[in-house]
Amino acid sequence: MLVPDPKVVRELLTRYASLRIAQAERHHPAAARELEDVSYTLCVMMGTSAIHEAIAKADALLLTKGRSETADPDGENGLTLVG
């Protein structure tokens, strides 16, 4: 099974969150389309059909990768976006 690049997943999650915030503040058609695109991409990368499930899987991936990078001195420093 292919595992998505954690850096790409982290970027998509960040973009998704930013677009959701922007849409909550004020609806923008272009941002709505981009949010749909990012949501679709996250679903495809995580092998799901629902965005909430994709986010949960992405969070789990980042958490798992963060733990392994903490043990790896050549990793990104072990920081993740999940709390």
Protein backbone atom coordinates (compact mmCIF):
# COMPACT_ATOMS: atom_id res chain seq x y z
CA MET A 1 0.00 0.00 0.00
CA LEU A 2 1.28 3.44 -0.88
CA VAL A 3 1.65 5.87 2.00
CA PRO A 4 1.17 9.57 1.20
CA ASP A 5 4.06 11.94 1.86
CA PRO A 6 3.44 13.47 5.30
CA LYS A 7 4.67 16.87 4.09
CA VAL A 8 2.06 16.91 1.32
CA VAL A 9 -0.66 15.72 3.70
CA ARG A 10 0.30 18.43 6.20
CA GLU A 11 0.14 21.08 3.46
CA LEU A 12 -3.30 19.88 2.33
CA LEU A 13 -4.63 19.87 5.89
CA THR A 14 -3.32 23.39 6.42
CA ARG A 15 -4.90 24.57 3.18
CA TYR A 16 -8.17 22.84 4.04
CA ALA A 17 -8.31 24.54 7.45
CA SER A 18 -7.49 27.96 5.98
CA LEU A 19 -10.19 27.63 3.34
CA ARG A 20 -12.78 26.48 5.89
CA ILE A 21 -12.00 29.52 8.03
CA ALA A 22 -12.21 31.85 5.03
CA GLN A 23 -15.55 30.35 4.01
CA ALA A 24 -16.92 30.69 7.55
CA GLU A 25 -16.02 34.37 7.57
CA ARG A 26 -17.37 35.14 4.11
CA HIS A 27 -18.42 32.94 1.21
CA HIS A 28 -16.20 33.26 -1.85
CA PRO A 29 -17.05 31.14 -4.91
CA ALA A 30 -13.39 30.68 -5.87
CA ALA A 31 -12.48 29.60 -2.34
CA ALA A 32 -15.46 27.23 -2.29
CA ARG A 33 -14.20 25.56 -5.48
CA GLU A 34 -10.68 25.31 -4.07
CA LEU A 35 -12.07 23.83 -0.84
CA GLU A 36 -13.87 21.18 -2.89
CA ASP A 37 -10.64 20.42 -4.77
CA VAL A 38 -8.58 20.15 -1.57
CA SER A 39 -11.26 18.00 0.06
CA TYR A 40 -11.34 15.68 -2.94
CA THR A 41 -7.54 15.43 -3.01
CA LEU A 42 -7.39 14.61 0.70
CA CYS A 43 -10.04 11.91 0.24
CA VAL A 44 -8.16 10.35 -2.68
CA MET A 45 -4.79 10.47 -0.89
CA MET A 46 -6.21 8.91 2.26
CA GLY A 47 -8.39 6.36 0.42
CA THR A 48 -11.73 7.59 1.74
CA SER A 49 -14.93 9.00 0.33
CA ALA A 50 -15.74 11.38 3.20
CA ILE A 51 -13.67 14.41 4.21
CA HIS A 52 -14.08 13.81 7.96
CA GLU A 53 -12.69 10.30 7.57
CA ALA A 54 -9.85 11.62 5.38
CA ILE A 55 -8.93 14.19 8.02
CA ALA A 56 -8.94 11.54 10.75
CA LYS A 57 -6.69 9.28 8.69
CA ALA A 58 -4.39 12.19 7.81
CA ASP A 59 -4.11 13.14 11.48
CA ALA A 60 -3.28 9.54 12.37
CA LEU A 61 -0.65 9.39 9.61
CA LEU A 62 1.00 12.58 10.83
CA LEU A 63 0.92 11.42 14.43
CA THR A 64 2.51 8.08 13.49
CA LYS A 65 5.12 9.71 11.29
CA GLY A 66 5.83 12.32 13.97
CA ARG A 67 6.57 9.61 16.50
CA SER A 68 8.92 7.78 14.14
CA GLU A 69 10.70 11.01 13.21
CA THR A 70 11.25 11.83 16.87
CA ALA A 71 13.22 8.62 17.14
CA ASP A 72 15.01 9.39 13.86
CA PRO A 73 17.68 12.11 14.19
CA ASP A 74 17.40 12.79 10.44
CA GLY A 75 13.63 13.50 10.68
CA GLU A 76 11.87 16.86 10.57
CA ASN A 77 12.11 17.25 14.39
CA GLY A 78 9.04 15.22 15.29
CA LEU A 79 6.55 18.11 15.24
CA THR A 80 3.07 17.47 13.87
CA LEU A 81 -0.09 19.48 13.44
CA VAL A 82 -2.10 17.07 15.55
CA GLY A 83 -2.37 17.65 19.24
